[in-house]
Amino acid sequence: MRSSARKELHNRSVISRVRRSEKGLRATLAAGKKEDAAKSLPEVLSVIDKAVKSRVLTRNAANRKKSRLTLAFNRVK
């Protein structure tokens, strides 16, 4: 397997993990389940930080995502 194909496969899996976790958190917030969201928010932020660590996301993009998710969490009553 070519190196570029291997890296593309890895990057795609990391990005899909970020999107899946973000989508799950947003669905929980939309349902108004703040207790469940409070448990999953740190996990989602950790997934985003791991994507930065493996250089799939840039630091600024990760901070923007984390900020928007935290704001959405704080808006839920």
C-alpha atoms as a PDB file:
ATOM      1  CA  MET A   1       0.000   0.000   0.000  1.00  0.00           C
ATOM      2  CA  ARG A   2       1.312   3.385  -0.920  1.00  0.00           C
ATOM      3  CA  SER A   3       2.156   5.718   1.924  1.00  0.00           C
ATOM      4  CA  SER A   4      -0.257   8.371   0.675  1.00  0.00           C
ATOM      5  CA  ALA A   5      -3.113   5.857   0.508  1.00  0.00           C
ATOM      6  CA  ARG A   6      -2.366   4.666   4.044  1.00  0.00           C
ATOM      7  CA  LYS A   7      -2.310   8.245   5.343  1.00  0.00           C
ATOM      8  CA  GLU A   8      -5.535   9.055   3.496  1.00  0.00           C
ATOM      9  CA  LEU A   9      -7.241   6.056   5.083  1.00  0.00           C
ATOM     10  CA  HIS A  10      -6.048   7.078   8.547  1.00  0.00           C
ATOM     11  CA  ASN A  11      -7.049  10.719   8.066  1.00  0.00           C
ATOM     12  CA  ARG A  12     -10.485   9.738   6.796  1.00  0.00           C
ATOM     13  CA  SER A  13     -11.109   7.526   9.814  1.00  0.00           C
ATOM     14  CA  VAL A  14     -10.046  10.286  12.222  1.00  0.00           C
ATOM     15  CA  ILE A  15     -12.232  12.882  10.483  1.00  0.00           C
ATOM     16  CA  SER A  16     -15.224  10.550  10.489  1.00  0.00           C
ATOM     17  CA  ARG A  17     -14.703   9.864  14.202  1.00  0.00           C
ATOM     18  CA  VAL A  18     -14.715  13.629  14.868  1.00  0.00           C
ATOM     19  CA  ARG A  19     -17.847  14.143  12.771  1.00  0.00           C
ATOM     20  CA  ARG A  20     -19.679  11.202  14.353  1.00  0.00           C
ATOM     21  CA  SER A  21     -18.957  12.337  17.886  1.00  0.00           C
ATOM     22  CA  GLU A  22     -19.843  15.956  17.084  1.00  0.00           C
ATOM     23  CA  LYS A  23     -23.090  14.897  15.417  1.00  0.00           C
ATOM     24  CA  GLY A  24     -24.008  12.716  18.399  1.00  0.00           C
ATOM     25  CA  LEU A  25     -23.425  15.555  20.826  1.00  0.00           C
ATOM     26  CA  ARG A  26     -25.486  17.976  18.746  1.00  0.00           C
ATOM     27  CA  ALA A  27     -28.334  15.443  18.558  1.00  0.00           C
ATOM     28  CA  THR A  28     -28.235  15.039  22.341  1.00  0.00           C
ATOM     29  CA  LEU A  29     -28.318  18.811  22.759  1.00  0.00           C
ATOM     30  CA  ALA A  30     -31.210  19.145  20.307  1.00  0.00           C
ATOM     31  CA  ALA A  31     -33.154  16.599  22.340  1.00  0.00           C
ATOM     32  CA  GLY A  32     -32.553  18.747  25.434  1.00  0.00           C
ATOM     33  CA  LYS A  33     -30.703  16.041  27.373  1.00  0.00           C
ATOM     34  CA  LYS A  34     -28.176  18.241  29.128  1.00  0.00           C
ATOM     35  CA  GLU A  35     -27.097  15.531  31.605  1.00  0.00           C
ATOM     36  CA  ASP A  36     -26.149  13.149  28.784  1.00  0.00           C
ATOM     37  CA  ALA A  37     -24.471  15.980  26.909  1.00  0.00           C
ATOM     38  CA  ALA A  38     -22.452  16.891  29.998  1.00  0.00           C
ATOM     39  CA  LYS A  39     -21.045  13.361  30.015  1.00  0.00           C
ATOM     40  CA  SER A  40     -20.245  13.265  26.301  1.00  0.00           C
ATOM     41  CA  LEU A  41     -18.847  16.805  25.903  1.00  0.00           C
ATOM     42  CA  PRO A  42     -15.406  15.989  27.403  1.00  0.00           C
ATOM     43  CA  GLU A  43     -15.206  12.870  25.234  1.00  0.00           C
ATOM     44  CA  VAL A  44     -15.945  14.871  22.078  1.00  0.00           C
ATOM     45  CA  LEU A  45     -13.368  17.510  23.013  1.00  0.00           C
ATOM     46  CA  SER A  46     -10.836  14.728  23.573  1.00  0.00           C
ATOM     47  CA  VAL A  47     -11.549  13.262  20.120  1.00  0.00           C
ATOM     48  CA  ILE A  48     -10.970  16.695  18.584  1.00  0.00           C
ATOM     49  CA  ASP A  49      -7.692  17.132  20.479  1.00  0.00           C
ATOM     50  CA  LYS A  50      -6.527  13.705  19.298  1.00  0.00           C
ATOM     51  CA  ALA A  51      -7.252  14.748  15.709  1.00  0.00           C
ATOM     52  CA  VAL A  52      -4.978  17.765  16.240  1.00  0.00           C
ATOM     53  CA  LYS A  53      -2.310  15.548  17.756  1.00  0.00           C
ATOM     54  CA  SER A  54      -2.276  13.372  14.648  1.00  0.00           C
ATOM     55  CA  ARG A  55      -2.267  16.535  12.475  1.00  0.00           C
ATOM     56  CA  VAL A  56      -5.576  15.811  10.800  1.00  0.00           C
ATOM     57  CA  LEU A  57      -7.132  19.054  12.081  1.00  0.00           C
ATOM     58  CA  THR A  58      -5.331  22.338  12.563  1.00  0.00           C
ATOM     59  CA  ARG A  59      -5.237  23.863  16.043  1.00  0.00           C
ATOM     60  CA  ASN A  60      -7.416  26.806  14.965  1.00  0.00           C
ATOM     61  CA  ALA A  61     -10.084  24.586  13.392  1.00  0.00           C
ATOM     62  CA  ALA A  62     -10.150  22.439  16.521  1.00  0.00           C
ATOM     63  CA  ASN A  63     -10.461  25.455  18.813  1.00  0.00           C
ATOM     64  CA  ARG A  64     -13.296  26.795  16.653  1.00  0.00           C
ATOM     65  CA  LYS A  65     -15.162  23.464  16.823  1.00  0.00           C
ATOM     66  CA  LYS A  66     -14.630  23.168  20.569  1.00  0.00           C
ATOM     67  CA  SER A  67     -15.794  26.736  21.141  1.00  0.00           C
ATOM     68  CA  ARG A  68     -18.971  26.281  19.098  1.00  0.00           C
ATOM     69  CA  LEU A  69     -19.809  22.995  20.802  1.00  0.00           C
ATOM     70  CA  THR A  70     -19.276  24.521  24.246  1.00  0.00           C
ATOM     71  CA  LEU A  71     -21.458  27.504  23.350  1.00  0.00           C
ATOM     72  CA  ALA A  72     -24.195  25.168  22.104  1.00  0.00           C
ATOM     73  CA  PHE A  73     -23.919  23.171  25.342  1.00  0.00           C
ATOM     74  CA  ASN A  74     -24.221  26.318  27.457  1.00  0.00           C
ATOM     75  CA  ARG A  75     -27.306  27.469  25.484  1.00  0.00           C
ATOM     76  CA  VAL A  76     -29.265  24.340  26.447  1.00  0.00           C
ATOM     77  CA  LYS A  77     -31.379  24.802  29.556  1.00  0.00           C
END
